[in-house]
């Protein structure tokens, strides 16, 4: 058994999958990892041909890189597929690196992940390692990475000790919906509506498994390590993804791709000695997120609450008022 497993999740996007695998092939320490490529079964008949194409592609790549391919016979969906597979592999290896089919990786990605997994394995304040960071203009730092109090799902890694805290049915999560101070903090001081995503998940209105990853760290005061320059480029915002439509994500404010770091493939990463949130970087990050999703003005929030209150009152009134 090698240092760490890499779990790769694919579905029906052969062009994206090929770019991801080609980029992964450039990582020098790839041979230190056991590679597992998961491919979900078609959700609808129209996806079948593309799934077949992806399976042919990943089998060919797997032969060259001694990877194991797991073809699902039923459609699990991304959320169930990730949770099931990560749980199994984490319990076996004690840690894991996770990649999806729409991510292009910098050659130093595996080097960074393995270095960070080793460095912070025993530190329970560290929840996960992210290979991606939003393209905010951070001040120059003495290290190559920074700790921030949120989660990430675009090229990430974690340990069994952290993953076992993941619970998408955690009853404590409902507190965030009524505790305004807690909700504001969960939203990074109002920078991004993470609490709304959590609320929708609780109501069964979305399949955002990763919001629970963030919740599991937030509720315990844990931090995520981010590179100061992104080692991952998300190329999935082109309308091909099952959960994203092109019309909703191709505007500038939703374009999360960024140029990859200029580090070499064998870059020696300078990782932080102190496990604590960098407040200056956090503030920069918050301002960046506010530009992506500007906070709702106070008067609009008031009108929204008033509308909900009126609807509730109307439901309580009798259909007809009798007159004497």
C-alpha atoms as a PDB file:
ATOM      1  CA  UNK A   1       0.000   0.000   0.000  1.00  0.00           C
ATOM      2  CA  UNK A   2       1.400   3.388  -1.014  1.00  0.00           C
ATOM      3  CA  UNK A   3       1.464   6.753   0.774  1.00  0.00           C
ATOM      4  CA  UNK A   4      -2.007   7.966  -0.088  1.00  0.00           C
ATOM      5  CA  UNK A   5      -4.931   7.058  -2.331  1.00  0.00           C
ATOM      6  CA  UNK A   6      -6.118   9.455  -5.017  1.00  0.00           C
ATOM      7  CA  UNK A   7      -9.848   9.234  -5.662  1.00  0.00           C
ATOM      8  CA  UNK A   8     -10.850  10.546  -9.106  1.00  0.00           C
ATOM      9  CA  UNK A   9     -14.547  11.065  -9.857  1.00  0.00           C
ATOM     10  CA  UNK A  10     -15.745  11.040 -13.453  1.00  0.00           C
ATOM     11  CA  UNK A  11     -19.058  10.849 -15.259  1.00  0.00           C
ATOM     12  CA  UNK A  12     -19.858  11.812 -18.867  1.00  0.00           C
ATOM     13  CA  UNK A  13     -17.373  14.495 -19.917  1.00  0.00           C
ATOM     14  CA  UNK A  14     -14.582  12.833 -21.916  1.00  0.00           C
ATOM     15  CA  UNK A  15     -12.882  16.082 -22.993  1.00  0.00           C
ATOM     16  CA  UNK A  16     -12.699  17.394 -19.431  1.00  0.00           C
ATOM     17  CA  UNK A  17     -11.602  14.015 -18.100  1.00  0.00           C
ATOM     18  CA  UNK A  18      -8.788  13.811 -20.640  1.00  0.00           C
ATOM     19  CA  UNK A  19      -7.446  17.260 -19.699  1.00  0.00           C
ATOM     20  CA  UNK A  20      -7.589  16.370 -16.018  1.00  0.00           C
ATOM     21  CA  UNK A  21      -5.751  13.075 -16.502  1.00  0.00           C
ATOM     22  CA  UNK A  22      -3.122  14.672 -18.735  1.00  0.00           C
ATOM     23  CA  UNK A  23      -2.438  17.294 -16.083  1.00  0.00           C
ATOM     24  CA  UNK A  24      -2.279  14.654 -13.340  1.00  0.00           C
ATOM     25  CA  UNK A  25       0.278  12.730 -15.405  1.00  0.00           C
ATOM     26  CA  UNK A  26       2.693  15.663 -15.107  1.00  0.00           C
ATOM     27  CA  UNK A  27       2.873  15.407 -11.282  1.00  0.00           C
ATOM     28  CA  UNK A  28       6.280  13.932 -10.312  1.00  0.00           C
ATOM     29  CA  UNK A  29       5.166  12.132  -7.113  1.00  0.00           C
ATOM     30  CA  UNK A  30       2.154  10.453  -8.677  1.00  0.00           C
ATOM     31  CA  UNK A  31       3.815   7.027  -8.430  1.00  0.00           C
ATOM     32  CA  UNK A  32       3.745   7.323  -4.626  1.00  0.00           C
ATOM     33  CA  UNK A  33      -0.056   7.102  -4.654  1.00  0.00           C
ATOM     34  CA  UNK A  34      -2.606   4.369  -5.288  1.00  0.00           C
ATOM     35  CA  UNK A  35      -5.072   5.721  -7.868  1.00  0.00           C
ATOM     36  CA  UNK A  36      -8.788   4.883  -7.926  1.00  0.00           C
ATOM     37  CA  UNK A  37     -10.939   6.201 -10.788  1.00  0.00           C
ATOM     38  CA  UNK A  38     -14.676   6.102 -10.150  1.00  0.00           C
ATOM     39  CA  UNK A  39     -17.162   6.389 -12.994  1.00  0.00           C
ATOM     40  CA  UNK A  40     -20.858   6.761 -12.267  1.00  0.00           C
ATOM     41  CA  UNK A  41     -23.564   4.972 -14.258  1.00  0.00           C
ATOM     42  CA  UNK A  42     -25.758   7.097 -16.581  1.00  0.00           C
ATOM     43  CA  UNK A  43     -28.448   9.098 -14.807  1.00  0.00           C
ATOM     44  CA  UNK A  44     -30.536   9.244 -17.989  1.00  0.00           C
ATOM     45  CA  UNK A  45     -30.294   7.249 -21.263  1.00  0.00           C
ATOM     46  CA  UNK A  46     -29.030  10.304 -23.162  1.00  0.00           C
ATOM     47  CA  UNK A  47     -25.823  10.229 -21.093  1.00  0.00           C
ATOM     48  CA  UNK A  48     -24.970   6.615 -21.913  1.00  0.00           C
ATOM     49  CA  UNK A  49     -22.769   7.212 -24.953  1.00  0.00           C
ATOM     50  CA  UNK A  50     -20.615   9.815 -23.209  1.00  0.00           C
ATOM     51  CA  UNK A  51     -20.248   7.533 -20.197  1.00  0.00           C
ATOM     52  CA  UNK A  52     -19.006   4.775 -22.526  1.00  0.00           C
ATOM     53  CA  UNK A  53     -16.469   7.207 -24.018  1.00  0.00           C
ATOM     54  CA  UNK A  54     -15.227   8.210 -20.577  1.00  0.00           C
ATOM     55  CA  UNK A  55     -14.874   4.577 -19.504  1.00  0.00           C
ATOM     56  CA  UNK A  56     -12.817   3.747 -22.570  1.00  0.00           C
ATOM     57  CA  UNK A  57     -10.592   6.731 -21.870  1.00  0.00           C
ATOM     58  CA  UNK A  58      -9.993   6.024 -18.188  1.00  0.00           C
ATOM     59  CA  UNK A  59      -9.276   2.328 -18.780  1.00  0.00           C
ATOM     60  CA  UNK A  60      -6.588   3.264 -21.292  1.00  0.00           C
ATOM     61  CA  UNK A  61      -5.029   5.786 -18.887  1.00  0.00           C
ATOM     62  CA  UNK A  62      -5.311   3.365 -15.968  1.00  0.00           C
ATOM     63  CA  UNK A  63      -3.230   0.696 -17.740  1.00  0.00           C
ATOM     64  CA  UNK A  64      -0.336   3.101 -18.150  1.00  0.00           C
ATOM     65  CA  UNK A  65      -0.482   4.406 -14.573  1.00  0.00           C
ATOM     66  CA  UNK A  66      -1.494   1.212 -12.747  1.00  0.00           C
ATOM     67  CA  UNK A  67      -4.769   2.731 -11.578  1.00  0.00           C
ATOM     68  CA  UNK A  68      -7.905   0.874 -10.569  1.00  0.00           C
ATOM     69  CA  UNK A  69     -11.172   1.718 -12.363  1.00  0.00           C
ATOM     70  CA  UNK A  70     -14.479   1.333 -10.523  1.00  0.00           C
ATOM     71  CA  UNK A  71     -17.509   1.413 -12.852  1.00  0.00           C
ATOM     72  CA  UNK A  72     -20.781   1.976 -11.039  1.00  0.00           C
ATOM     73  CA  UNK A  73     -23.683  -0.207 -12.177  1.00  0.00           C
ATOM     74  CA  UNK A  74     -26.233   2.253 -10.821  1.00  0.00           C
ATOM     75  CA  UNK A  75     -26.222   6.033 -10.762  1.00  0.00           C
ATOM     76  CA  UNK A  76     -25.149   7.197  -7.312  1.00  0.00           C
ATOM     77  CA  UNK A  77     -24.896  10.883  -8.109  1.00  0.00           C
ATOM     78  CA  UNK A  78     -21.801  12.915  -7.256  1.00  0.00           C
ATOM     79  CA  UNK A  79     -22.668  13.422  -3.584  1.00  0.00           C
ATOM     80  CA  UNK A  80     -23.264   9.751  -2.701  1.00  0.00           C
ATOM     81  CA  UNK A  81     -20.378   8.607  -4.880  1.00  0.00           C
ATOM     82  CA  UNK A  82     -17.886  10.918  -3.162  1.00  0.00           C
ATOM     83  CA  UNK A  83     -19.093  10.270   0.384  1.00  0.00           C
ATOM     84  CA  UNK A  84     -19.191   6.482  -0.065  1.00  0.00           C
ATOM     85  CA  UNK A  85     -15.802   6.237  -1.777  1.00  0.00           C
ATOM     86  CA  UNK A  86     -13.954   8.696   0.472  1.00  0.00           C
ATOM     87  CA  UNK A  87     -15.290   6.938   3.577  1.00  0.00           C
ATOM     88  CA  UNK A  88     -14.032   3.564   2.353  1.00  0.00           C
ATOM     89  CA  UNK A  89     -10.606   4.729   1.210  1.00  0.00           C
ATOM     90  CA  UNK A  90     -10.003   6.947   4.250  1.00  0.00           C
ATOM     91  CA  UNK A  91     -10.707   4.072   6.599  1.00  0.00           C
ATOM     92  CA  UNK A  92      -8.137   1.948   4.739  1.00  0.00           C
ATOM     93  CA  UNK A  93      -5.366   4.502   4.179  1.00  0.00           C
ATOM     94  CA  UNK A  94      -5.975   7.089   6.917  1.00  0.00           C
ATOM     95  CA  UNK A  95      -5.940   9.931   4.382  1.00  0.00           C
ATOM     96  CA  UNK A  96      -7.034  10.758   0.846  1.00  0.00           C
ATOM     97  CA  UNK A  97      -6.627  13.139  -2.103  1.00  0.00           C
ATOM     98  CA  UNK A  98      -9.803  13.886  -4.064  1.00  0.00           C
ATOM     99  CA  UNK A  99     -10.059  15.110  -7.685  1.00  0.00           C
ATOM    100  CA  UNK A 100     -13.055  15.637  -9.976  1.00  0.00           C
ATOM    101  CA  UNK A 101     -13.111  15.399 -13.764  1.00  0.00           C
ATOM    102  CA  UNK A 102     -13.259  19.154 -14.475  1.00  0.00           C
ATOM    103  CA  UNK A 103     -10.043  20.137 -12.688  1.00  0.00           C
ATOM    104  CA  UNK A 104      -6.757  20.907 -14.435  1.00  0.00           C
ATOM    105  CA  UNK A 105      -3.861  20.429 -12.018  1.00  0.00           C
ATOM    106  CA  UNK A 106      -0.513  22.152 -11.680  1.00  0.00           C
ATOM    107  CA  UNK A 107       2.474  19.732 -11.852  1.00  0.00           C
ATOM    108  CA  UNK A 108       3.258  20.523  -8.185  1.00  0.00           C
ATOM    109  CA  UNK A 109      -0.259  19.572  -7.024  1.00  0.00           C
ATOM    110  CA  UNK A 110       0.646  16.110  -5.677  1.00  0.00           C
ATOM    111  CA  UNK A 111       3.895  17.395  -4.166  1.00  0.00           C
ATOM    112  CA  UNK A 112       1.911  20.053  -2.265  1.00  0.00           C
ATOM    113  CA  UNK A 113      -0.773  17.618  -1.130  1.00  0.00           C
ATOM    114  CA  UNK A 114       1.610  14.941   0.133  1.00  0.00           C
ATOM    115  CA  UNK A 115       3.785  17.531   1.899  1.00  0.00           C
ATOM    116  CA  UNK A 116       0.792  19.078   3.684  1.00  0.00           C
ATOM    117  CA  UNK A 117      -0.793  15.723   4.569  1.00  0.00           C
ATOM    118  CA  UNK A 118       2.445  14.644   6.208  1.00  0.00           C
ATOM    119  CA  UNK A 119       3.082  17.975   7.945  1.00  0.00           C
ATOM    120  CA  UNK A 120      -0.333  18.374   9.610  1.00  0.00           C
ATOM    121  CA  UNK A 121      -1.412  14.753  10.014  1.00  0.00           C
ATOM    122  CA  UNK A 122      -1.379  14.929  13.808  1.00  0.00           C
ATOM    123  CA  UNK A 123      -2.751  18.454  14.201  1.00  0.00           C
ATOM    124  CA  UNK A 124      -6.468  18.238  14.954  1.00  0.00           C
ATOM    125  CA  UNK A 125      -6.945  21.959  14.284  1.00  0.00           C
ATOM    126  CA  UNK A 126      -6.382  21.294  10.557  1.00  0.00           C
ATOM    127  CA  UNK A 127      -9.476  19.919   8.829  1.00  0.00           C
ATOM    128  CA  UNK A 128      -8.308  19.612   5.239  1.00  0.00           C
ATOM    129  CA  UNK A 129      -5.894  20.756   2.537  1.00  0.00           C
ATOM    130  CA  UNK A 130      -7.166  22.622  -0.529  1.00  0.00           C
ATOM    131  CA  UNK A 131      -5.358  22.797  -3.854  1.00  0.00           C
ATOM    132  CA  UNK A 132      -7.555  25.664  -5.053  1.00  0.00           C
ATOM    133  CA  UNK A 133      -7.850  29.243  -3.876  1.00  0.00           C
ATOM    134  CA  UNK A 134     -10.000  31.996  -5.348  1.00  0.00           C
ATOM    135  CA  UNK A 135      -8.028  34.541  -7.404  1.00  0.00           C
ATOM    136  CA  UNK A 136      -8.140  37.291  -4.787  1.00  0.00           C
ATOM    137  CA  UNK A 137      -5.155  39.654  -4.621  1.00  0.00           C
ATOM    138  CA  UNK A 138      -3.494  38.500  -1.411  1.00  0.00           C
ATOM    139  CA  UNK A 139      -0.563  40.339   0.128  1.00  0.00           C
ATOM    140  CA  UNK A 140       2.799  38.648  -0.338  1.00  0.00           C
ATOM    141  CA  UNK A 141       3.405  36.124   2.428  1.00  0.00           C
ATOM    142  CA  UNK A 142       6.583  34.478   3.753  1.00  0.00           C
ATOM    143  CA  UNK A 143       4.997  31.039   3.257  1.00  0.00           C
ATOM    144  CA  UNK A 144       3.462  29.356   0.211  1.00  0.00           C
ATOM    145  CA  UNK A 145       0.194  28.537   1.959  1.00  0.00           C
ATOM    146  CA  UNK A 146      -2.255  30.088   4.399  1.00  0.00           C
ATOM    147  CA  UNK A 147      -4.891  28.860   6.854  1.00  0.00           C
ATOM    148  CA  UNK A 148      -8.479  30.091   6.462  1.00  0.00           C
ATOM    149  CA  UNK A 149     -11.681  29.128   8.321  1.00  0.00           C
ATOM    150  CA  UNK A 150     -13.693  27.520   5.512  1.00  0.00           C
ATOM    151  CA  UNK A 151     -13.854  24.362   3.401  1.00  0.00           C
ATOM    152  CA  UNK A 152     -13.015  23.563  -0.204  1.00  0.00           C
ATOM    153  CA  UNK A 153     -13.958  20.863  -2.713  1.00  0.00           C
ATOM    154  CA  UNK A 154     -11.947  21.692  -5.860  1.00  0.00           C
ATOM    155  CA  UNK A 155      -8.957  19.414  -5.493  1.00  0.00           C
ATOM    156  CA  UNK A 156      -8.603  18.631  -1.789  1.00  0.00           C
ATOM    157  CA  UNK A 157      -7.200  16.208   0.733  1.00  0.00           C
ATOM    158  CA  UNK A 158      -7.972  15.156   4.284  1.00  0.00           C
ATOM    159  CA  UNK A 159      -7.345  12.561   6.985  1.00  0.00           C
ATOM    160  CA  UNK A 160      -9.564   9.897   8.525  1.00  0.00           C
ATOM    161  CA  UNK A 161      -9.656  11.853  11.810  1.00  0.00           C
ATOM    162  CA  UNK A 162     -11.290  14.780   9.978  1.00  0.00           C
ATOM    163  CA  UNK A 163     -13.495  12.867   7.556  1.00  0.00           C
ATOM    164  CA  UNK A 164     -15.143  10.864  10.344  1.00  0.00           C
ATOM    165  CA  UNK A 165     -16.582  14.179  11.589  1.00  0.00           C
ATOM    166  CA  UNK A 166     -18.538  14.587   8.346  1.00  0.00           C
ATOM    167  CA  UNK A 167     -22.258  14.242   9.093  1.00  0.00           C
ATOM    168  CA  UNK A 168     -24.862  15.551   6.607  1.00  0.00           C
ATOM    169  CA  UNK A 169     -27.560  14.897   9.217  1.00  0.00           C
ATOM    170  CA  UNK A 170     -25.937  16.726  12.117  1.00  0.00           C
ATOM    171  CA  UNK A 171     -28.877  18.034  14.206  1.00  0.00           C
ATOM    172  CA  UNK A 172     -26.722  20.862  15.561  1.00  0.00           C
ATOM    173  CA  UNK A 173     -26.700  22.445  12.090  1.00  0.00           C
ATOM    174  CA  UNK A 174     -30.276  23.686  12.548  1.00  0.00           C
ATOM    175  CA  UNK A 175     -29.037  26.113  15.199  1.00  0.00           C
ATOM    176  CA  UNK A 176     -27.320  28.163  12.547  1.00  0.00           C
ATOM    177  CA  UNK A 177     -30.667  29.043  10.963  1.00  0.00           C
ATOM    178  CA  UNK A 178     -32.021  30.743  14.084  1.00  0.00           C
ATOM    179  CA  UNK A 179     -28.845  32.063  15.684  1.00  0.00           C
ATOM    180  CA  UNK A 180     -28.101  35.264  13.736  1.00  0.00           C
ATOM    181  CA  UNK A 181     -24.588  35.695  15.157  1.00  0.00           C
ATOM    182  CA  UNK A 182     -23.672  32.123  14.274  1.00  0.00           C
ATOM    183  CA  UNK A 183     -25.201  32.469  10.810  1.00  0.00           C
ATOM    184  CA  UNK A 184     -23.285  35.705  10.167  1.00  0.00           C
ATOM    185  CA  UNK A 185     -20.025  34.051  11.201  1.00  0.00           C
ATOM    186  CA  UNK A 186     -20.747  30.959   9.062  1.00  0.00           C
ATOM    187  CA  UNK A 187     -21.248  33.344   6.121  1.00  0.00           C
ATOM    188  CA  UNK A 188     -17.738  34.740   6.768  1.00  0.00           C
ATOM    189  CA  UNK A 189     -19.183  37.926   8.264  1.00  0.00           C
ATOM    190  CA  UNK A 190     -21.785  38.212   5.537  1.00  0.00           C
ATOM    191  CA  UNK A 191     -19.342  37.718   2.660  1.00  0.00           C
ATOM    192  CA  UNK A 192     -21.082  34.709   1.097  1.00  0.00           C
ATOM    193  CA  UNK A 193     -24.460  32.975   1.733  1.00  0.00           C
ATOM    194  CA  UNK A 194     -23.106  29.635   2.935  1.00  0.00           C
ATOM    195  CA  UNK A 195     -25.920  29.410   5.505  1.00  0.00           C
ATOM    196  CA  UNK A 196     -28.506  29.594   2.715  1.00  0.00           C
ATOM    197  CA  UNK A 197     -26.825  26.610   1.036  1.00  0.00           C
ATOM    198  CA  UNK A 198     -26.920  24.731   4.329  1.00  0.00           C
ATOM    199  CA  UNK A 199     -30.589  25.614   4.818  1.00  0.00           C
ATOM    200  CA  UNK A 200     -31.456  24.401   1.303  1.00  0.00           C
ATOM    201  CA  UNK A 201     -29.586  21.162   1.954  1.00  0.00           C
ATOM    202  CA  UNK A 202     -31.524  20.632   5.191  1.00  0.00           C
ATOM    203  CA  UNK A 203     -34.717  21.129   3.196  1.00  0.00           C
ATOM    204  CA  UNK A 204     -33.607  18.678   0.512  1.00  0.00           C
ATOM    205  CA  UNK A 205     -33.444  21.388  -2.149  1.00  0.00           C
ATOM    206  CA  UNK A 206     -29.840  20.803  -3.198  1.00  0.00           C
ATOM    207  CA  UNK A 207     -27.190  18.052  -3.207  1.00  0.00           C
ATOM    208  CA  UNK A 208     -24.358  20.250  -1.979  1.00  0.00           C
ATOM    209  CA  UNK A 209     -22.453  17.631   0.023  1.00  0.00           C
ATOM    210  CA  UNK A 210     -19.502  20.002   0.433  1.00  0.00           C
ATOM    211  CA  UNK A 211     -21.458  22.526   2.523  1.00  0.00           C
ATOM    212  CA  UNK A 212     -21.495  19.837   5.218  1.00  0.00           C
ATOM    213  CA  UNK A 213     -17.740  19.477   4.885  1.00  0.00           C
ATOM    214  CA  UNK A 214     -17.446  23.173   5.699  1.00  0.00           C
ATOM    215  CA  UNK A 215     -19.957  22.805   8.541  1.00  0.00           C
ATOM    216  CA  UNK A 216     -18.017  19.927  10.125  1.00  0.00           C
ATOM    217  CA  UNK A 217     -14.902  22.143  10.333  1.00  0.00           C
ATOM    218  CA  UNK A 218     -16.703  25.360  11.247  1.00  0.00           C
ATOM    219  CA  UNK A 219     -18.608  23.777  14.130  1.00  0.00           C
ATOM    220  CA  UNK A 220     -15.300  22.644  15.650  1.00  0.00           C
ATOM    221  CA  UNK A 221     -13.159  25.687  14.906  1.00  0.00           C
ATOM    222  CA  UNK A 222     -10.967  23.812  12.414  1.00  0.00           C
ATOM    223  CA  UNK A 223      -9.041  25.397   9.532  1.00  0.00           C
ATOM    224  CA  UNK A 224      -8.204  24.576   5.906  1.00  0.00           C
ATOM    225  CA  UNK A 225      -4.769  25.038   4.347  1.00  0.00           C
ATOM    226  CA  UNK A 226      -4.884  26.935   1.033  1.00  0.00           C
ATOM    227  CA  UNK A 227      -1.981  27.558  -1.376  1.00  0.00           C
ATOM    228  CA  UNK A 228      -1.207  31.241  -1.886  1.00  0.00           C
ATOM    229  CA  UNK A 229      -1.489  30.618  -5.622  1.00  0.00           C
ATOM    230  CA  UNK A 230      -4.008  28.167  -6.983  1.00  0.00           C
ATOM    231  CA  UNK A 231      -2.738  24.746  -8.044  1.00  0.00           C
ATOM    232  CA  UNK A 232      -6.106  23.902  -9.586  1.00  0.00           C
ATOM    233  CA  UNK A 233      -8.031  25.403 -12.488  1.00  0.00           C
ATOM    234  CA  UNK A 234     -11.750  24.565 -12.679  1.00  0.00           C
ATOM    235  CA  UNK A 235     -12.762  24.210 -16.349  1.00  0.00           C
ATOM    236  CA  UNK A 236     -16.248  22.891 -15.631  1.00  0.00           C
ATOM    237  CA  UNK A 237     -18.164  26.168 -15.836  1.00  0.00           C
ATOM    238  CA  UNK A 238     -18.949  25.794 -19.521  1.00  0.00           C
ATOM    239  CA  UNK A 239     -22.476  24.401 -19.350  1.00  0.00           C
ATOM    240  CA  UNK A 240     -21.445  20.732 -19.581  1.00  0.00           C
ATOM    241  CA  UNK A 241     -21.834  19.954 -15.886  1.00  0.00           C
ATOM    242  CA  UNK A 242     -25.019  18.264 -14.685  1.00  0.00           C
ATOM    243  CA  UNK A 243     -25.530  20.669 -11.761  1.00  0.00           C
ATOM    244  CA  UNK A 244     -24.561  23.937 -13.505  1.00  0.00           C
ATOM    245  CA  UNK A 245     -26.203  25.621 -16.460  1.00  0.00           C
ATOM    246  CA  UNK A 246     -24.159  27.768 -18.804  1.00  0.00           C
ATOM    247  CA  UNK A 247     -26.450  30.769 -18.540  1.00  0.00           C
ATOM    248  CA  UNK A 248     -25.950  30.998 -14.793  1.00  0.00           C
ATOM    249  CA  UNK A 249     -22.208  30.634 -14.479  1.00  0.00           C
ATOM    250  CA  UNK A 250     -20.440  32.163 -17.455  1.00  0.00           C
ATOM    251  CA  UNK A 251     -20.658  35.797 -16.319  1.00  0.00           C
ATOM    252  CA  UNK A 252     -17.483  37.396 -15.031  1.00  0.00           C
ATOM    253  CA  UNK A 253     -18.527  37.363 -11.383  1.00  0.00           C
ATOM    254  CA  UNK A 254     -18.985  33.578 -11.490  1.00  0.00           C
ATOM    255  CA  UNK A 255     -15.768  32.820 -13.371  1.00  0.00           C
ATOM    256  CA  UNK A 256     -13.724  31.018 -10.713  1.00  0.00           C
ATOM    257  CA  UNK A 257     -10.886  29.864 -12.966  1.00  0.00           C
ATOM    258  CA  UNK A 258      -7.476  31.418 -12.519  1.00  0.00           C
ATOM    259  CA  UNK A 259      -3.957  31.106 -13.878  1.00  0.00           C
ATOM    260  CA  UNK A 260      -2.023  28.347 -12.173  1.00  0.00           C
ATOM    261  CA  UNK A 261       0.968  29.006  -9.952  1.00  0.00           C
ATOM    262  CA  UNK A 262       4.397  29.638 -11.425  1.00  0.00           C
ATOM    263  CA  UNK A 263       6.071  27.158  -9.072  1.00  0.00           C
ATOM    264  CA  UNK A 264       8.108  24.283 -10.511  1.00  0.00           C
ATOM    265  CA  UNK A 265       6.815  20.717 -10.459  1.00  0.00           C
ATOM    266  CA  UNK A 266       9.204  19.865  -7.607  1.00  0.00           C
ATOM    267  CA  UNK A 267       8.722  23.097  -5.662  1.00  0.00           C
ATOM    268  CA  UNK A 268       9.630  22.816  -1.971  1.00  0.00           C
ATOM    269  CA  UNK A 269       6.577  24.258  -0.247  1.00  0.00           C
ATOM    270  CA  UNK A 270       7.075  26.546   2.723  1.00  0.00           C
ATOM    271  CA  UNK A 271       4.152  25.631   4.967  1.00  0.00           C
ATOM    272  CA  UNK A 272       2.997  27.686   7.989  1.00  0.00           C
ATOM    273  CA  UNK A 273       4.421  26.736  11.377  1.00  0.00           C
ATOM    274  CA  UNK A 274       1.480  28.259  13.255  1.00  0.00           C
ATOM    275  CA  UNK A 275      -1.963  26.769  12.672  1.00  0.00           C
ATOM    276  CA  UNK A 276      -4.073  29.907  12.887  1.00  0.00           C
ATOM    277  CA  UNK A 277      -6.282  31.865  10.512  1.00  0.00           C
ATOM    278  CA  UNK A 278      -4.523  34.695   8.693  1.00  0.00           C
ATOM    279  CA  UNK A 279      -6.880  37.624   9.383  1.00  0.00           C
ATOM    280  CA  UNK A 280      -5.417  39.863   6.687  1.00  0.00           C
ATOM    281  CA  UNK A 281      -5.887  37.195   4.020  1.00  0.00           C
ATOM    282  CA  UNK A 282      -9.330  36.384   5.401  1.00  0.00           C
ATOM    283  CA  UNK A 283     -10.402  40.015   4.981  1.00  0.00           C
ATOM    284  CA  UNK A 284      -9.115  40.032   1.382  1.00  0.00           C
ATOM    285  CA  UNK A 285     -10.958  36.777   0.778  1.00  0.00           C
ATOM    286  CA  UNK A 286     -14.183  38.197   2.213  1.00  0.00           C
ATOM    287  CA  UNK A 287     -14.028  41.260  -0.020  1.00  0.00           C
ATOM    288  CA  UNK A 288     -13.483  39.044  -3.053  1.00  0.00           C
ATOM    289  CA  UNK A 289     -16.483  36.891  -2.185  1.00  0.00           C
ATOM    290  CA  UNK A 290     -18.677  39.959  -1.684  1.00  0.00           C
ATOM    291  CA  UNK A 291     -17.938  40.960  -5.292  1.00  0.00           C
ATOM    292  CA  UNK A 292     -19.023  37.517  -6.475  1.00  0.00           C
ATOM    293  CA  UNK A 293     -22.234  37.545  -4.479  1.00  0.00           C
ATOM    294  CA  UNK A 294     -23.048  41.064  -3.151  1.00  0.00           C
ATOM    295  CA  UNK A 295     -24.974  41.042   0.145  1.00  0.00           C
ATOM    296  CA  UNK A 296     -28.730  41.551  -0.135  1.00  0.00           C
ATOM    297  CA  UNK A 297     -29.639  45.131   0.901  1.00  0.00           C
ATOM    298  CA  UNK A 298     -31.338  45.487   4.277  1.00  0.00           C
ATOM    299  CA  UNK A 299     -34.618  46.764   2.801  1.00  0.00           C
ATOM    300  CA  UNK A 300     -34.866  43.743   0.476  1.00  0.00           C
ATOM    301  CA  UNK A 301     -34.289  41.386   3.389  1.00  0.00           C
ATOM    302  CA  UNK A 302     -37.043  43.203   5.311  1.00  0.00           C
ATOM    303  CA  UNK A 303     -39.471  42.938   2.379  1.00  0.00           C
ATOM    304  CA  UNK A 304     -38.660  39.234   1.982  1.00  0.00           C
ATOM    305  CA  UNK A 305     -39.397  38.564   5.664  1.00  0.00           C
ATOM    306  CA  UNK A 306     -42.566  40.667   5.482  1.00  0.00           C
ATOM    307  CA  UNK A 307     -43.779  38.679   2.466  1.00  0.00           C
ATOM    308  CA  UNK A 308     -43.162  35.382   4.268  1.00  0.00           C
ATOM    309  CA  UNK A 309     -45.000  36.707   7.329  1.00  0.00           C
ATOM    310  CA  UNK A 310     -48.032  37.794   5.258  1.00  0.00           C
ATOM    311  CA  UNK A 311     -48.172  34.398   3.538  1.00  0.00           C
ATOM    312  CA  UNK A 312     -48.050  32.669   6.923  1.00  0.00           C
ATOM    313  CA  UNK A 313     -50.864  34.859   8.286  1.00  0.00           C
ATOM    314  CA  UNK A 314     -53.002  34.228   5.202  1.00  0.00           C
ATOM    315  CA  UNK A 315     -52.705  30.488   5.735  1.00  0.00           C
ATOM    316  CA  UNK A 316     -53.969  30.880   9.284  1.00  0.00           C
ATOM    317  CA  UNK A 317     -57.056  32.923   8.270  1.00  0.00           C
ATOM    318  CA  UNK A 318     -60.322  31.084   7.523  1.00  0.00           C
ATOM    319  CA  UNK A 319     -61.272  30.769   3.846  1.00  0.00           C
ATOM    320  CA  UNK A 320     -64.515  32.608   4.396  1.00  0.00           C
ATOM    321  CA  UNK A 321     -65.591  35.100   6.997  1.00  0.00           C
ATOM    322  CA  UNK A 322     -69.166  34.636   8.103  1.00  0.00           C
ATOM    323  CA  UNK A 323     -71.330  37.688   8.715  1.00  0.00           C
ATOM    324  CA  UNK A 324     -74.106  37.797  11.263  1.00  0.00           C
END
